[in-house]
């Protein structure tokens, strides 16, 4: 079965900052062999951009919808796109405001 390499962008809203959400996502993305990043956004959301096999990206999206035990996810915006190959690993990045 063909499992194409794709890119996913997720915007996660809710109580998702200050609860270990980025570390939770980073650990799962690395375990799944995905490349990309996760970062806090100024509006209180968390952004995830990841590339890899579509089936593994779906697994990451499912985990993001649940989040770690201290989080409360209220909304998930998901966008699919073609992979660019620009990432060599999965990183926790500082958000646009340095957080």
N, C-alpha and C. Protein backbone atom coordinates (compact mmCIF):
# COMPACT_ATOMS: atom_id res chain seq x y z
N UNK A 1 0.84 -1.18 0.00
CA UNK A 1 0.00 0.00 0.00
C UNK A 1 0.89 1.25 0.00
N UNK A 2 0.53 2.22 -0.80
CA UNK A 2 1.29 3.45 -0.92
C UNK A 2 0.95 4.39 0.24
N UNK A 3 1.96 4.92 0.91
CA UNK A 3 1.78 5.86 2.01
C UNK A 3 2.56 7.12 1.66
N UNK A 4 1.92 8.05 0.93
CA UNK A 4 2.65 9.21 0.42
C UNK A 4 3.20 10.11 1.53
N UNK A 5 4.30 10.76 1.20
CA UNK A 5 4.90 11.75 2.10
C UNK A 5 4.16 13.06 1.88
N UNK A 6 3.64 13.62 2.98
CA UNK A 6 2.84 14.84 2.91
C UNK A 6 3.28 15.80 4.01
N UNK A 7 2.62 16.93 4.04
CA UNK A 7 2.85 17.96 5.06
C UNK A 7 1.51 18.26 5.70
N UNK A 8 1.54 18.46 7.01
CA UNK A 8 0.34 18.83 7.74
C UNK A 8 0.65 20.07 8.57
N UNK A 9 -0.33 20.95 8.65
CA UNK A 9 -0.24 22.11 9.54
C UNK A 9 -1.47 22.08 10.42
N UNK A 10 -1.22 22.12 11.73
CA UNK A 10 -2.30 22.10 12.70
C UNK A 10 -2.22 23.35 13.56
N UNK A 11 -3.37 23.95 13.81
CA UNK A 11 -3.48 25.04 14.77
C UNK A 11 -4.38 24.52 15.88
N UNK A 12 -3.85 24.45 17.09
CA UNK A 12 -4.56 23.85 18.23
C UNK A 12 -4.96 24.96 19.19
N UNK A 13 -6.26 25.08 19.46
CA UNK A 13 -6.77 26.08 20.40
C UNK A 13 -7.23 25.41 21.68
N UNK A 14 -7.26 26.21 22.74
CA UNK A 14 -7.71 25.74 24.05
C UNK A 14 -6.67 26.07 25.10
N UNK A 15 -6.68 25.31 26.18
CA UNK A 15 -5.67 25.47 27.24
C UNK A 15 -4.48 24.60 26.83
N UNK A 16 -3.65 25.15 25.94
CA UNK A 16 -2.57 24.36 25.34
C UNK A 16 -1.18 24.97 25.53
N UNK A 17 -1.09 26.09 26.20
CA UNK A 17 0.22 26.67 26.50
C UNK A 17 0.47 26.58 28.00
N UNK A 18 1.71 26.26 28.35
CA UNK A 18 2.08 26.15 29.76
C UNK A 18 1.67 24.82 30.39
N UNK A 19 1.33 23.84 29.56
CA UNK A 19 0.89 22.54 30.08
C UNK A 19 1.69 21.38 29.49
N UNK A 20 2.83 21.68 28.86
CA UNK A 20 3.67 20.64 28.29
C UNK A 20 3.24 20.17 26.91
N UNK A 21 2.37 20.92 26.26
CA UNK A 21 1.84 20.51 24.96
C UNK A 21 2.93 20.37 23.91
N UNK A 22 3.84 21.34 23.83
CA UNK A 22 4.90 21.28 22.81
C UNK A 22 5.80 20.07 23.03
N UNK A 23 6.14 19.77 24.27
CA UNK A 23 6.98 18.61 24.56
C UNK A 23 6.26 17.31 24.23
N UNK A 24 4.97 17.25 24.54
CA UNK A 24 4.13 16.10 24.21
C UNK A 24 4.14 15.83 22.71
N UNK A 25 3.92 16.89 21.93
CA UNK A 25 3.89 16.76 20.46
C UNK A 25 5.27 16.40 19.93
N UNK A 26 6.30 17.05 20.43
CA UNK A 26 7.66 16.77 19.96
C UNK A 26 8.04 15.31 20.18
N UNK A 27 7.73 14.80 21.36
CA UNK A 27 8.05 13.41 21.67
C UNK A 27 7.33 12.45 20.72
N UNK A 28 6.03 12.70 20.51
CA UNK A 28 5.26 11.81 19.63
C UNK A 28 5.72 11.94 18.18
N UNK A 29 6.01 13.14 17.73
CA UNK A 29 6.48 13.33 16.35
C UNK A 29 7.80 12.59 16.13
N UNK A 30 8.70 12.70 17.08
CA UNK A 30 9.99 12.00 16.97
C UNK A 30 9.79 10.49 16.98
N UNK A 31 8.90 10.00 17.86
CA UNK A 31 8.61 8.57 17.91
C UNK A 31 8.04 8.07 16.59
N UNK A 32 7.28 8.92 15.90
CA UNK A 32 6.67 8.56 14.62
C UNK A 32 7.61 8.77 13.44
N UNK A 33 8.79 9.33 13.69
CA UNK A 33 9.75 9.56 12.62
C UNK A 33 9.39 10.74 11.72
N UNK A 34 8.69 11.72 12.28
CA UNK A 34 8.28 12.90 11.51
C UNK A 34 9.28 14.03 11.66
N UNK A 35 9.28 14.93 10.70
CA UNK A 35 10.12 16.13 10.73
C UNK A 35 9.22 17.35 10.75
N UNK A 36 9.71 18.44 11.35
CA UNK A 36 8.94 19.69 11.39
C UNK A 36 9.19 20.43 12.68
N UNK A 37 8.15 21.09 13.18
CA UNK A 37 8.28 21.87 14.42
C UNK A 37 6.93 22.07 15.09
N UNK A 38 6.99 22.47 16.34
CA UNK A 38 5.84 22.89 17.12
C UNK A 38 6.23 24.19 17.81
N UNK A 39 5.29 25.12 17.93
CA UNK A 39 5.59 26.39 18.60
C UNK A 39 4.32 27.02 19.14
N UNK A 40 4.48 27.82 20.20
CA UNK A 40 3.40 28.62 20.75
C UNK A 40 3.16 29.82 19.86
N UNK A 41 1.90 30.23 19.75
CA UNK A 41 1.54 31.40 18.96
C UNK A 41 1.02 32.50 19.88
N UNK A 42 1.12 33.75 19.44
CA UNK A 42 0.72 34.88 20.29
C UNK A 42 -0.74 34.84 20.73
N UNK A 43 -1.62 34.22 19.96
CA UNK A 43 -3.04 34.18 20.31
C UNK A 43 -3.38 33.08 21.31
N UNK A 44 -2.36 32.36 21.82
CA UNK A 44 -2.59 31.31 22.81
C UNK A 44 -2.72 29.92 22.22
N UNK A 45 -2.71 29.83 20.90
CA UNK A 45 -2.77 28.53 20.24
C UNK A 45 -1.37 27.93 20.11
N UNK A 46 -1.32 26.70 19.64
CA UNK A 46 -0.07 26.03 19.32
C UNK A 46 -0.11 25.64 17.84
N UNK A 47 0.98 25.92 17.13
CA UNK A 47 1.09 25.56 15.73
C UNK A 47 2.01 24.36 15.59
N UNK A 48 1.57 23.39 14.78
CA UNK A 48 2.38 22.21 14.47
C UNK A 48 2.50 22.13 12.95
N UNK A 49 3.72 22.01 12.47
CA UNK A 49 3.98 21.76 11.05
C UNK A 49 4.84 20.51 11.01
N UNK A 50 4.37 19.49 10.29
CA UNK A 50 5.10 18.22 10.26
C UNK A 50 5.03 17.62 8.86
N UNK A 51 6.08 16.88 8.52
CA UNK A 51 6.14 16.17 7.25
C UNK A 51 6.51 14.71 7.51
N UNK A 52 5.94 13.84 6.69
CA UNK A 52 6.22 12.42 6.80
C UNK A 52 5.13 11.62 6.13
N UNK A 53 5.13 10.33 6.41
CA UNK A 53 4.12 9.44 5.83
C UNK A 53 2.73 9.86 6.32
N UNK A 54 1.78 9.87 5.40
CA UNK A 54 0.43 10.34 5.72
C UNK A 54 -0.18 9.59 6.91
N UNK A 55 0.02 8.29 6.98
CA UNK A 55 -0.55 7.51 8.10
C UNK A 55 0.03 7.97 9.44
N UNK A 56 1.29 8.32 9.46
CA UNK A 56 1.92 8.78 10.71
C UNK A 56 1.49 10.20 11.05
N UNK A 57 1.28 11.02 10.04
CA UNK A 57 0.77 12.38 10.27
C UNK A 57 -0.64 12.31 10.87
N UNK A 58 -1.43 11.37 10.40
CA UNK A 58 -2.78 11.20 10.97
C UNK A 58 -2.68 10.81 12.45
N UNK A 59 -1.73 9.95 12.78
CA UNK A 59 -1.54 9.57 14.19
C UNK A 59 -1.15 10.77 15.03
N UNK A 60 -0.28 11.63 14.50
CA UNK A 60 0.12 12.83 15.24
C UNK A 60 -1.08 13.75 15.43
N UNK A 61 -1.90 13.91 14.40
CA UNK A 61 -3.09 14.76 14.50
C UNK A 61 -4.05 14.23 15.57
N UNK A 62 -4.22 12.92 15.64
CA UNK A 62 -5.08 12.33 16.67
C UNK A 62 -4.54 12.61 18.06
N UNK A 63 -3.24 12.51 18.24
CA UNK A 63 -2.63 12.80 19.55
C UNK A 63 -2.76 14.27 19.89
N UNK A 64 -2.62 15.13 18.89
CA UNK A 64 -2.76 16.57 19.13
C UNK A 64 -4.18 16.91 19.54
N UNK A 65 -5.16 16.23 18.99
CA UNK A 65 -6.56 16.48 19.36
C UNK A 65 -6.83 16.12 20.81
N UNK A 66 -6.12 15.12 21.33
CA UNK A 66 -6.26 14.73 22.75
C UNK A 66 -5.38 15.59 23.65
N UNK A 67 -4.13 15.80 23.23
CA UNK A 67 -3.18 16.57 24.02
C UNK A 67 -2.75 15.85 25.28
N UNK A 68 -1.79 16.43 26.02
CA UNK A 68 -1.37 15.85 27.29
C UNK A 68 -2.48 16.02 28.34
N UNK A 69 -2.34 15.33 29.44
CA UNK A 69 -3.40 15.30 30.45
C UNK A 69 -3.77 16.67 31.02
N UNK A 70 -2.83 17.59 31.11
CA UNK A 70 -3.11 18.91 31.69
C UNK A 70 -3.72 19.88 30.69
N UNK A 71 -3.78 19.52 29.42
CA UNK A 71 -4.31 20.43 28.40
C UNK A 71 -5.81 20.23 28.22
N UNK A 72 -6.42 21.19 27.52
CA UNK A 72 -7.82 21.07 27.14
C UNK A 72 -7.94 21.64 25.72
N UNK A 73 -8.02 20.76 24.75
CA UNK A 73 -8.12 21.17 23.35
C UNK A 73 -9.58 21.48 23.03
N UNK A 74 -9.83 22.68 22.49
CA UNK A 74 -11.20 23.07 22.14
C UNK A 74 -11.44 23.12 20.63
N UNK A 75 -10.37 23.28 19.85
CA UNK A 75 -10.55 23.36 18.39
C UNK A 75 -9.23 22.99 17.71
N UNK A 76 -9.34 22.32 16.57
CA UNK A 76 -8.18 21.95 15.77
C UNK A 76 -8.45 22.35 14.33
N UNK A 77 -7.57 23.15 13.76
CA UNK A 77 -7.63 23.51 12.35
C UNK A 77 -6.53 22.73 11.66
N UNK A 78 -6.87 21.95 10.65
CA UNK A 78 -5.93 21.06 9.99
C UNK A 78 -5.86 21.38 8.50
N UNK A 79 -4.64 21.51 7.98
CA UNK A 79 -4.43 21.75 6.55
C UNK A 79 -3.41 20.74 6.03
N UNK A 80 -3.72 20.10 4.90
CA UNK A 80 -2.78 19.18 4.23
C UNK A 80 -2.11 19.90 3.07
N UNK A 81 -0.89 19.52 2.78
CA UNK A 81 -0.18 20.08 1.64
C UNK A 81 0.94 19.16 1.21
N UNK A 82 1.63 19.53 0.16
CA UNK A 82 2.76 18.73 -0.30
C UNK A 82 3.97 18.93 0.62
N UNK A 83 4.74 17.89 0.80
CA UNK A 83 5.96 17.99 1.60
C UNK A 83 6.99 18.81 0.84
N UNK A 84 7.80 19.57 1.59
CA UNK A 84 8.85 20.39 0.98
C UNK A 84 10.23 19.80 1.21
N UNK A 85 10.36 18.94 2.21
CA UNK A 85 11.66 18.36 2.54
C UNK A 85 12.60 19.32 3.24
N UNK A 86 12.08 20.43 3.74
CA UNK A 86 12.94 21.45 4.34
C UNK A 86 13.41 21.13 5.76
N UNK A 87 12.82 20.13 6.41
CA UNK A 87 13.16 19.81 7.80
C UNK A 87 14.06 18.59 7.88
N UNK A 88 14.98 18.62 8.84
CA UNK A 88 15.87 17.47 9.04
C UNK A 88 15.55 16.73 10.34
N UNK A 89 14.69 17.29 11.16
CA UNK A 89 14.30 16.69 12.42
C UNK A 89 13.04 17.36 12.91
N UNK A 90 12.66 17.11 14.14
CA UNK A 90 11.49 17.76 14.71
C UNK A 90 11.93 18.62 15.88
N UNK A 91 11.57 19.91 15.85
CA UNK A 91 12.05 20.88 16.83
C UNK A 91 10.91 21.55 17.59
N UNK A 92 11.22 21.97 18.80
CA UNK A 92 10.36 22.89 19.53
C UNK A 92 10.93 24.27 19.27
N UNK A 93 10.14 25.12 18.64
CA UNK A 93 10.61 26.46 18.28
C UNK A 93 9.98 27.51 19.18
N UNK A 94 10.67 28.62 19.26
CA UNK A 94 10.10 29.79 19.94
C UNK A 94 9.03 30.37 19.03
N UNK A 95 7.98 30.85 19.63
CA UNK A 95 6.91 31.48 18.87
C UNK A 95 7.35 32.84 18.36
N UNK A 96 6.50 33.48 17.57
CA UNK A 96 6.84 34.79 17.02
C UNK A 96 7.20 35.85 18.06
N UNK A 97 6.69 35.70 19.28
CA UNK A 97 6.99 36.67 20.34
C UNK A 97 8.12 36.19 21.26
N UNK A 98 8.82 35.12 20.86
CA UNK A 98 9.96 34.64 21.62
C UNK A 98 9.63 33.67 22.72
N UNK A 99 8.37 33.23 22.82
CA UNK A 99 7.98 32.27 23.87
C UNK A 99 8.02 30.87 23.35
